[in-house]
Amino acid sequence: MGDKSYSGYVIFWCGSILKSVSRCQVTISLSAYEAEMVAIAQGCQEALGVLHLLDFLNGNAEMPIKTIEEFLKANVEELPKVLFVIRTDSESSQKLLQADGFNRRTRHLHLAHAFVQRLIFHEVLVIQWVSTDNQIADVLTKVLDKVKFEKFRKMMGFI
C-alpha cells in the first residue's frame, strides 16, 4: 500500500448504487483526520456532480455551479436546494467539520475543509457518524475479514 491513504465512497440513489470509488490519494496525509477529510471532500464533489447530472437529466439544461471555486464564491440563493448525507466513522472529522473555523492542526486543509463546511452550513450536506462496524466504504479501502466483507457486500445490494 505504501505511505498514501485510500479514499473510498459509495453513492446511493433511491437505494441503488450509482457509483462506487476506491482510489489512492494523490498526496501523503499527515494524519488520519487529513486522509478522512480528503476522502470526504472527494465524496462531496462526486455527489454534487451526480446531483447536477440528475438535475440536467430532469430537463434543467443549465448547471448552475461548475467548479469548486464557483461553489465557494456562490451566494446562498445560487446553492442547490438538495440534501445529501456523508457517513464517516471518524468522530474527529465530524466534530471539526461541524465546528466554526480552523485550528492550528487543520489550517493546511483550508480549501477542502471550507468546501465541506460550506455544504454543511447551507444545509446541502449532513455529516453523520457511523460505527466502523457499519461503514460500507471500508470494503473499498481496507482488507476485511470474510464476515465484514459479506455484510458490506449485502448492504451494497450485492448478493
C-alpha atoms as a PDB file:
ATOM      1  CA  MET A   1       0.000   0.000   0.000  1.00  0.00           C
ATOM      2  CA  GLY A   2       2.824   2.470   0.684  1.00  0.00           C
ATOM      3  CA  ASP A   3       2.517   5.760   2.529  1.00  0.00           C
ATOM      4  CA  LYS A   4      -0.576   7.024   0.747  1.00  0.00           C
ATOM      5  CA  SER A   5      -4.110   6.609   2.049  1.00  0.00           C
ATOM      6  CA  TYR A   6      -7.061   5.338   0.073  1.00  0.00           C
ATOM      7  CA  SER A   7     -10.344   7.160  -0.457  1.00  0.00           C
ATOM      8  CA  GLY A   8     -13.474   5.121  -0.822  1.00  0.00           C
ATOM      9  CA  TYR A   9     -17.106   6.077  -1.099  1.00  0.00           C
ATOM     10  CA  VAL A  10     -20.373   4.704  -2.393  1.00  0.00           C
ATOM     11  CA  ILE A  11     -23.091   6.935  -3.831  1.00  0.00           C
ATOM     12  CA  PHE A  12     -26.618   5.583  -3.475  1.00  0.00           C
ATOM     13  CA  TRP A  13     -29.729   6.918  -5.192  1.00  0.00           C
ATOM     14  CA  CYS A  14     -33.141   5.526  -4.197  1.00  0.00           C
ATOM     15  CA  GLY A  15     -31.475   2.557  -2.515  1.00  0.00           C
ATOM     16  CA  SER A  16     -29.314   1.585  -5.504  1.00  0.00           C
ATOM     17  CA  ILE A  17     -25.626   2.173  -6.097  1.00  0.00           C
ATOM     18  CA  LEU A  18     -24.918   4.830  -8.713  1.00  0.00           C
ATOM     19  CA  LYS A  19     -21.176   4.884  -8.202  1.00  0.00           C
ATOM     20  CA  SER A  20     -18.525   3.340  -6.007  1.00  0.00           C
ATOM     21  CA  VAL A  21     -14.957   4.586  -5.938  1.00  0.00           C
ATOM     22  CA  SER A  22     -11.753   3.313  -4.409  1.00  0.00           C
ATOM     23  CA  ARG A  23      -8.574   5.202  -5.237  1.00  0.00           C
ATOM     24  CA  CYS A  24      -5.187   6.016  -3.842  1.00  0.00           C
ATOM     25  CA  GLN A  25      -4.978   9.617  -2.645  1.00  0.00           C
ATOM     26  CA  VAL A  26      -2.594  11.825  -4.598  1.00  0.00           C
ATOM     27  CA  THR A  27      -0.874  13.248  -1.510  1.00  0.00           C
ATOM     28  CA  ILE A  28       0.507  11.691   1.638  1.00  0.00           C
ATOM     29  CA  SER A  29      -1.683  12.530   4.623  1.00  0.00           C
ATOM     30  CA  LEU A  30      -0.078  13.635   7.860  1.00  0.00           C
ATOM     31  CA  SER A  31      -2.921  12.263   9.993  1.00  0.00           C
ATOM     32  CA  ALA A  32      -5.978  10.029   9.844  1.00  0.00           C
ATOM     33  CA  TYR A  33      -8.117  13.188  10.024  1.00  0.00           C
ATOM     34  CA  GLU A  34      -6.410  14.618   6.947  1.00  0.00           C
ATOM     35  CA  ALA A  35      -6.927  11.393   4.975  1.00  0.00           C
ATOM     36  CA  GLU A  36     -10.574  11.302   6.036  1.00  0.00           C
ATOM     37  CA  MET A  37     -11.033  14.981   5.129  1.00  0.00           C
ATOM     38  CA  VAL A  38      -9.624  14.385   1.638  1.00  0.00           C
ATOM     39  CA  ALA A  39     -11.969  11.405   1.182  1.00  0.00           C
ATOM     40  CA  ILE A  40     -14.999  13.384   2.415  1.00  0.00           C
ATOM     41  CA  ALA A  41     -14.218  16.313   0.099  1.00  0.00           C
ATOM     42  CA  GLN A  42     -13.818  13.929  -2.868  1.00  0.00           C
ATOM     43  CA  GLY A  43     -17.101  12.217  -1.987  1.00  0.00           C
ATOM     44  CA  CYS A  44     -18.862  15.596  -1.782  1.00  0.00           C
ATOM     45  CA  GLN A  45     -17.505  16.610  -5.184  1.00  0.00           C
ATOM     46  CA  GLU A  46     -18.741  13.365  -6.719  1.00  0.00           C
ATOM     47  CA  ALA A  47     -22.149  13.667  -5.015  1.00  0.00           C
ATOM     48  CA  LEU A  48     -22.569  17.233  -6.296  1.00  0.00           C
ATOM     49  CA  GLY A  49     -21.646  16.030  -9.767  1.00  0.00           C
ATOM     50  CA  VAL A  50     -24.273  13.284  -9.581  1.00  0.00           C
ATOM     51  CA  LEU A  51     -26.885  15.772  -8.329  1.00  0.00           C
ATOM     52  CA  HIS A  52     -26.073  18.134 -11.201  1.00  0.00           C
ATOM     53  CA  LEU A  53     -26.323  15.257 -13.679  1.00  0.00           C
ATOM     54  CA  LEU A  54     -29.708  14.177 -12.285  1.00  0.00           C
ATOM     55  CA  ASP A  55     -30.888  17.785 -12.427  1.00  0.00           C
ATOM     56  CA  PHE A  56     -29.711  18.010 -16.041  1.00  0.00           C
ATOM     57  CA  LEU A  57     -31.468  14.744 -16.950  1.00  0.00           C
ATOM     58  CA  ASN A  58     -34.677  16.122 -15.415  1.00  0.00           C
ATOM     59  CA  GLY A  59     -34.661  18.893 -18.022  1.00  0.00           C
ATOM     60  CA  ASN A  60     -32.739  21.662 -16.298  1.00  0.00           C
ATOM     61  CA  ALA A  61     -30.309  22.444 -19.111  1.00  0.00           C
ATOM     62  CA  GLU A  62     -28.101  24.789 -17.110  1.00  0.00           C
ATOM     63  CA  MET A  63     -25.749  23.549 -14.440  1.00  0.00           C
ATOM     64  CA  PRO A  64     -25.557  26.495 -12.026  1.00  0.00           C
ATOM     65  CA  ILE A  65     -22.238  25.635 -10.354  1.00  0.00           C
ATOM     66  CA  LYS A  66     -19.482  24.009 -12.369  1.00  0.00           C
ATOM     67  CA  THR A  67     -16.395  24.132 -10.174  1.00  0.00           C
ATOM     68  CA  ILE A  68     -15.418  24.117  -6.506  1.00  0.00           C
ATOM     69  CA  GLU A  69     -14.218  27.695  -6.822  1.00  0.00           C
ATOM     70  CA  GLU A  70     -17.617  28.778  -8.156  1.00  0.00           C
ATOM     71  CA  PHE A  71     -19.303  26.883  -5.334  1.00  0.00           C
ATOM     72  CA  LEU A  72     -17.209  28.590  -2.656  1.00  0.00           C
ATOM     73  CA  LYS A  73     -17.936  32.017  -4.153  1.00  0.00           C
ATOM     74  CA  ALA A  74     -21.660  31.370  -4.707  1.00  0.00           C
ATOM     75  CA  ASN A  75     -24.368  33.277  -2.916  1.00  0.00           C
ATOM     76  CA  VAL A  76     -26.780  31.298  -0.767  1.00  0.00           C
ATOM     77  CA  GLU A  77     -29.542  31.750  -3.369  1.00  0.00           C
ATOM     78  CA  GLU A  78     -27.371  30.070  -6.002  1.00  0.00           C
ATOM     79  CA  LEU A  79     -26.694  26.949  -3.960  1.00  0.00           C
ATOM     80  CA  PRO A  80     -28.565  23.809  -4.970  1.00  0.00           C
ATOM     81  CA  LYS A  81     -31.538  23.159  -2.697  1.00  0.00           C
ATOM     82  CA  VAL A  82     -30.763  19.491  -2.198  1.00  0.00           C
ATOM     83  CA  LEU A  83     -29.579  17.421   0.692  1.00  0.00           C
ATOM     84  CA  PHE A  84     -27.181  14.531   0.803  1.00  0.00           C
ATOM     85  CA  VAL A  85     -25.601  12.605   3.652  1.00  0.00           C
ATOM     86  CA  ILE A  86     -21.978  11.649   4.175  1.00  0.00           C
ATOM     87  CA  ARG A  87     -21.396   8.916   6.725  1.00  0.00           C
ATOM     88  CA  THR A  88     -17.994   8.810   8.386  1.00  0.00           C
ATOM     89  CA  ASP A  89     -16.588   6.585  11.093  1.00  0.00           C
ATOM     90  CA  SER A  90     -14.202   9.385  12.106  1.00  0.00           C
ATOM     91  CA  GLU A  91     -15.622  11.283  15.076  1.00  0.00           C
ATOM     92  CA  SER A  92     -12.853  13.896  14.826  1.00  0.00           C
ATOM     93  CA  SER A  93     -13.754  14.646  11.194  1.00  0.00           C
ATOM     94  CA  GLN A  94     -17.411  15.022  12.044  1.00  0.00           C
ATOM     95  CA  LYS A  95     -16.735  17.308  15.022  1.00  0.00           C
ATOM     96  CA  LEU A  96     -14.165  19.500  13.264  1.00  0.00           C
ATOM     97  CA  LEU A  97     -16.356  19.909  10.191  1.00  0.00           C
ATOM     98  CA  GLN A  98     -19.329  20.965  12.278  1.00  0.00           C
ATOM     99  CA  ALA A  99     -17.238  23.435  14.311  1.00  0.00           C
ATOM    100  CA  ASP A 100     -16.643  27.013  13.229  1.00  0.00           C
ATOM    101  CA  GLY A 101     -13.274  27.972  11.769  1.00  0.00           C
ATOM    102  CA  PHE A 102      -9.948  26.194  11.778  1.00  0.00           C
ATOM    103  CA  ASN A 103      -7.367  25.342  14.341  1.00  0.00           C
ATOM    104  CA  ARG A 104      -3.605  25.120  14.076  1.00  0.00           C
ATOM    105  CA  ARG A 105      -3.802  21.435  13.096  1.00  0.00           C
ATOM    106  CA  THR A 106      -6.306  21.883  10.270  1.00  0.00           C
ATOM    107  CA  ARG A 107      -5.370  25.175   8.604  1.00  0.00           C
ATOM    108  CA  HIS A 108      -3.352  23.386   5.875  1.00  0.00           C
ATOM    109  CA  LEU A 109      -6.589  21.703   4.781  1.00  0.00           C
ATOM    110  CA  HIS A 110      -8.265  25.054   4.219  1.00  0.00           C
ATOM    111  CA  LEU A 111      -9.823  24.540   0.774  1.00  0.00           C
ATOM    112  CA  ALA A 112     -11.231  21.041   1.324  1.00  0.00           C
ATOM    113  CA  HIS A 113     -12.365  21.945   4.847  1.00  0.00           C
ATOM    114  CA  ALA A 114     -14.026  25.197   3.692  1.00  0.00           C
ATOM    115  CA  PHE A 115     -15.760  23.420   0.821  1.00  0.00           C
ATOM    116  CA  VAL A 116     -17.315  20.769   3.061  1.00  0.00           C
ATOM    117  CA  GLN A 117     -18.138  23.265   5.846  1.00  0.00           C
ATOM    118  CA  ARG A 118     -19.957  25.474   3.347  1.00  0.00           C
ATOM    119  CA  LEU A 119     -22.079  22.497   2.250  1.00  0.00           C
ATOM    120  CA  ILE A 120     -22.935  21.786   5.886  1.00  0.00           C
ATOM    121  CA  PHE A 121     -23.628  25.444   6.736  1.00  0.00           C
ATOM    122  CA  HIS A 122     -26.080  25.844   3.855  1.00  0.00           C
ATOM    123  CA  GLU A 123     -27.765  22.526   4.703  1.00  0.00           C
ATOM    124  CA  VAL A 124     -26.823  20.906   1.421  1.00  0.00           C
ATOM    125  CA  LEU A 125     -24.862  18.251   3.323  1.00  0.00           C
ATOM    126  CA  VAL A 126     -25.429  16.441   6.581  1.00  0.00           C
ATOM    127  CA  ILE A 127     -22.481  14.592   8.030  1.00  0.00           C
ATOM    128  CA  GLN A 128     -23.300  11.625  10.238  1.00  0.00           C
ATOM    129  CA  TRP A 129     -21.103   9.414  12.335  1.00  0.00           C
ATOM    130  CA  VAL A 130     -21.456   5.713  11.639  1.00  0.00           C
ATOM    131  CA  SER A 131     -19.845   2.877  13.546  1.00  0.00           C
ATOM    132  CA  THR A 132     -16.871   1.201  11.890  1.00  0.00           C
ATOM    133  CA  ASP A 133     -18.963  -1.967  12.003  1.00  0.00           C
ATOM    134  CA  ASN A 134     -21.407  -0.326   9.574  1.00  0.00           C
ATOM    135  CA  GLN A 135     -19.056   1.753   7.397  1.00  0.00           C
ATOM    136  CA  ILE A 136     -19.777   0.372   3.919  1.00  0.00           C
ATOM    137  CA  ALA A 137     -16.905   2.308   2.302  1.00  0.00           C
ATOM    138  CA  ASP A 138     -14.417   0.201   4.283  1.00  0.00           C
ATOM    139  CA  VAL A 139     -14.987  -2.584   1.751  1.00  0.00           C
ATOM    140  CA  LEU A 140     -13.337  -0.269  -0.806  1.00  0.00           C
ATOM    141  CA  THR A 141     -10.351   0.817   1.279  1.00  0.00           C
ATOM    142  CA  LYS A 142      -9.391  -1.985   3.671  1.00  0.00           C
ATOM    143  CA  VAL A 143      -8.704  -5.667   3.812  1.00  0.00           C
ATOM    144  CA  LEU A 144     -11.663  -7.095   5.735  1.00  0.00           C
ATOM    145  CA  ASP A 145     -12.396 -10.459   7.260  1.00  0.00           C
ATOM    146  CA  LYS A 146     -14.928 -12.628   5.446  1.00  0.00           C
ATOM    147  CA  VAL A 147     -17.832 -11.781   7.791  1.00  0.00           C
ATOM    148  CA  LYS A 148     -17.447  -7.990   7.394  1.00  0.00           C
ATOM    149  CA  PHE A 149     -16.843  -8.274   3.657  1.00  0.00           C
ATOM    150  CA  GLU A 150     -20.020 -10.291   3.133  1.00  0.00           C
ATOM    151  CA  LYS A 151     -22.011  -7.952   5.412  1.00  0.00           C
ATOM    152  CA  PHE A 152     -20.922  -4.845   3.474  1.00  0.00           C
ATOM    153  CA  ARG A 153     -21.432  -6.569   0.139  1.00  0.00           C
ATOM    154  CA  LYS A 154     -25.003  -7.346   1.189  1.00  0.00           C
ATOM    155  CA  MET A 155     -25.538  -3.742   2.423  1.00  0.00           C
ATOM    156  CA  MET A 156     -24.419  -2.531  -1.027  1.00  0.00           C
ATOM    157  CA  GLY A 157     -27.056  -4.733  -2.668  1.00  0.00           C
ATOM    158  CA  PHE A 158     -24.743  -7.436  -3.970  1.00  0.00           C
ATOM    159  CA  ILE A 159     -25.705 -10.999  -3.151  1.00  0.00           C
END
